[in-house]
Amino acid sequence: MFYVGMAVAKATLACCLLSPDTDQVQRSFSNNRTGFNALLTWLRERAIAFDQVQIVMAATGVYHPAAALHLHEAGVQVAIVNPAQVKDFGKGWAVRTKTDRMDSWVLARFGQVNTPTPWQPLSVEVRELQALLARQRALAEDLQRERNRLEKADATLTPTLVHQS
């Protein structure tokens, strides 16, 4: 089994490929559809079957889901792991450096040692519902902020032009 540790950032995916004989190759890709496809091409060029590789990434908020879904849909096994566990694992390897390159190596080694459970995406309907609920919460928060501003404007000497806006 091959393991790819993927340190996900806003703009980049730092990847470290560990082969069964522990050789490693590192490469970086853009964190967008073009980069996801370039990563898949990179694996194909190395004659690695998608069912023989697991990509291990840490849950990084908003930056990892698009990559995880794209790679999963392409047939690659993806594992999304707890960042705190990976950090502790890295300490066990005496890793003190915090770079994307080193993080990708730690993630790959974490996968190789622990074989994390493959991630399964939620259904399209559930993802859409979650997105709609998040949007509703954001709108409700925005509305409350505007109500608070209006209340402050009513209670202070706010210029009419500002008050109207």
Protein backbone atom coordinates (compact mmCIF):
# COMPACT_ATOMS: atom_id res chain seq x y z
CA MET A 1 0.00 0.00 0.00
CA PHE A 2 1.18 3.52 -0.82
CA TYR A 3 0.49 6.43 1.53
CA VAL A 4 0.32 10.08 0.57
CA GLY A 5 0.45 12.55 3.41
CA MET A 6 -1.28 15.75 2.34
CA ALA A 7 -0.75 18.99 4.24
CA VAL A 8 -3.66 21.13 3.10
CA ALA A 9 -3.33 24.90 3.03
CA LYS A 10 -5.47 27.62 1.48
CA ALA A 11 -3.61 27.62 -1.83
CA THR A 12 -1.50 24.46 -1.82
CA LEU A 13 -1.43 20.74 -1.14
CA ALA A 14 1.99 19.61 0.05
CA CYS A 15 2.21 15.87 -0.62
CA CYS A 16 4.63 13.19 0.52
CA LEU A 17 4.35 9.78 -1.14
CA LEU A 18 5.64 6.82 0.86
CA SER A 19 6.01 3.56 -1.02
CA PRO A 20 5.84 0.14 0.67
CA ASP A 21 9.65 0.06 0.83
CA THR A 22 9.57 3.52 2.55
CA ASP A 23 11.05 5.49 -0.34
CA GLN A 24 9.58 8.97 -0.32
CA VAL A 25 8.83 11.56 -2.96
CA GLN A 26 7.50 15.02 -2.20
CA ARG A 27 5.58 17.37 -4.44
CA SER A 28 3.24 20.32 -4.10
CA PHE A 29 0.00 20.98 -5.99
CA SER A 30 -2.46 23.84 -6.06
CA ASN A 31 -5.53 23.47 -3.85
CA ASN A 32 -8.06 23.58 -6.67
CA ARG A 33 -9.50 21.26 -9.31
CA THR A 34 -6.42 21.66 -11.53
CA GLY A 35 -4.16 20.67 -8.64
CA PHE A 36 -6.36 17.70 -7.70
CA ASN A 37 -6.16 16.41 -11.26
CA ALA A 38 -2.40 17.02 -11.36
CA LEU A 39 -2.05 14.91 -8.20
CA LEU A 40 -4.03 12.08 -9.81
CA THR A 41 -1.85 12.31 -12.93
CA TRP A 42 1.27 12.24 -10.73
CA LEU A 43 0.06 8.99 -9.14
CA ARG A 44 -0.75 7.48 -12.56
CA GLU A 45 2.70 8.42 -13.89
CA ARG A 46 4.20 6.42 -11.03
CA ALA A 47 2.02 3.43 -12.04
CA ILE A 48 0.19 3.52 -8.71
CA ALA A 49 -3.32 2.09 -8.90
CA PHE A 50 -5.82 4.27 -7.08
CA ASP A 51 -7.00 1.30 -5.01
CA GLN A 52 -3.41 0.84 -3.75
CA VAL A 53 -3.01 4.32 -2.27
CA GLN A 54 -4.44 6.10 0.74
CA ILE A 55 -4.26 9.86 1.01
CA VAL A 56 -4.05 10.99 4.62
CA MET A 57 -5.00 14.57 5.44
CA ALA A 58 -5.81 16.41 8.63
CA ALA A 59 -9.18 18.06 9.10
CA THR A 60 -8.33 21.69 8.29
CA GLY A 61 -11.65 23.47 8.39
CA VAL A 62 -12.71 24.82 5.02
CA TYR A 63 -9.61 23.96 2.98
CA HIS A 64 -9.65 20.15 2.86
CA PRO A 65 -13.21 19.05 1.88
CA ALA A 66 -12.98 19.88 -1.84
CA ALA A 67 -9.76 17.91 -2.23
CA ALA A 68 -11.10 14.98 -0.19
CA LEU A 69 -14.30 14.77 -2.23
CA HIS A 70 -12.56 15.09 -5.60
CA LEU A 71 -10.00 12.41 -4.78
CA HIS A 72 -12.63 10.09 -3.29
CA GLU A 73 -14.80 10.43 -6.40
CA ALA A 74 -11.74 9.56 -8.52
CA GLY A 75 -11.47 6.26 -6.63
CA VAL A 76 -8.64 7.11 -4.25
CA GLN A 77 -8.99 6.06 -0.62
CA VAL A 78 -8.96 9.16 1.59
CA ALA A 79 -8.51 9.33 5.35
CA ILE A 80 -9.28 12.51 7.25
CA VAL A 81 -7.55 12.39 10.61
CA ASN A 82 -7.53 14.39 13.81
CA PRO A 83 -4.77 17.05 13.67
CA ALA A 84 -4.02 16.66 17.40
CA GLN A 85 -3.35 12.94 16.98
CA VAL A 86 -1.01 13.62 14.08
CA LYS A 87 0.81 16.32 16.06
CA ASP A 88 1.35 13.90 18.95
CA PHE A 89 2.46 11.20 16.52
CA GLY A 90 5.01 13.63 15.04
CA LYS A 91 6.38 14.36 18.51
CA GLY A 92 7.03 10.63 18.88
CA TRP A 93 9.23 10.86 15.77
CA ALA A 94 11.01 13.88 17.27
CA VAL A 95 9.57 16.20 14.64
CA ARG A 96 9.94 19.77 15.88
CA THR A 97 9.73 21.55 12.55
CA LYS A 98 6.35 22.90 11.48
CA THR A 99 6.37 23.17 7.68
CA ASP A 100 3.93 21.85 5.11
CA ARG A 101 6.66 19.61 3.75
CA MET A 102 7.35 18.06 7.16
CA ASP A 103 3.62 17.87 7.97
CA SER A 104 3.02 15.89 4.78
CA TRP A 105 5.75 13.43 5.76
CA VAL A 106 4.27 13.01 9.26
CA LEU A 107 0.79 12.47 7.78
CA ALA A 108 2.11 9.84 5.36
CA ARG A 109 4.00 8.05 8.13
CA PHE A 110 0.90 8.28 10.38
CA GLY A 111 -1.10 6.55 7.65
CA GLN A 112 1.55 3.91 7.14
CA VAL A 113 1.73 3.07 10.85
CA ASN A 114 -1.95 3.42 11.80
CA THR A 115 -3.88 2.64 8.58
CA PRO A 116 -6.69 5.07 9.43
CA THR A 117 -10.28 4.30 8.57
CA PRO A 118 -11.21 5.45 5.06
CA TRP A 119 -13.41 8.52 4.93
CA GLN A 120 -16.86 8.33 3.37
CA PRO A 121 -18.42 11.59 2.20
CA LEU A 122 -21.93 12.52 3.20
CA SER A 123 -24.59 12.27 0.51
CA VAL A 124 -25.11 15.21 -1.83
CA GLU A 125 -28.46 15.94 -0.20
CA VAL A 126 -26.95 16.09 3.30
CA ARG A 127 -24.08 18.32 2.12
CA GLU A 128 -26.57 20.67 0.45
CA LEU A 129 -28.72 20.79 3.58
CA GLN A 130 -25.65 21.54 5.72
CA ALA A 131 -24.66 24.35 3.34
CA LEU A 132 -28.16 25.82 3.44
CA LEU A 133 -28.26 25.68 7.24
CA ALA A 134 -24.83 27.34 7.45
CA ARG A 135 -26.04 30.07 5.09
CA GLN A 136 -29.18 30.56 7.16
CA ARG A 137 -27.09 30.92 10.35
CA ALA A 138 -24.81 33.44 8.65
CA LEU A 139 -27.78 35.50 7.45
CA ALA A 140 -29.37 35.42 10.91
CA GLU A 141 -26.09 36.63 12.45
CA ASP A 142 -25.80 39.39 9.83
CA LEU A 143 -29.37 40.50 10.51
CA GLN A 144 -28.71 40.63 14.27
CA ARG A 145 -25.55 42.69 13.70
CA GLU A 146 -27.52 45.18 11.59
CA ARG A 147 -30.25 45.38 14.25
CA ASN A 148 -27.56 46.09 16.84
CA ARG A 149 -26.09 48.84 14.64
CA LEU A 150 -29.52 50.40 14.17
CA GLU A 151 -30.16 50.32 17.90
CA LYS A 152 -26.80 52.04 18.50
CA ALA A 153 -27.55 54.60 15.79
CA ASP A 154 -30.92 55.36 17.43
CA ALA A 155 -29.25 55.84 20.82
CA THR A 156 -26.40 58.09 19.67
CA LEU A 157 -25.85 61.25 17.68
CA THR A 158 -25.42 59.41 14.42
CA PRO A 159 -25.62 61.57 11.28
CA THR A 160 -28.82 61.13 9.30
CA LEU A 161 -26.98 59.92 6.20
CA VAL A 162 -25.28 57.13 8.21
CA HIS A 163 -28.53 56.32 10.03
CA GLN A 164 -30.37 55.90 6.72
CA SER A 165 -27.74 53.56 5.36
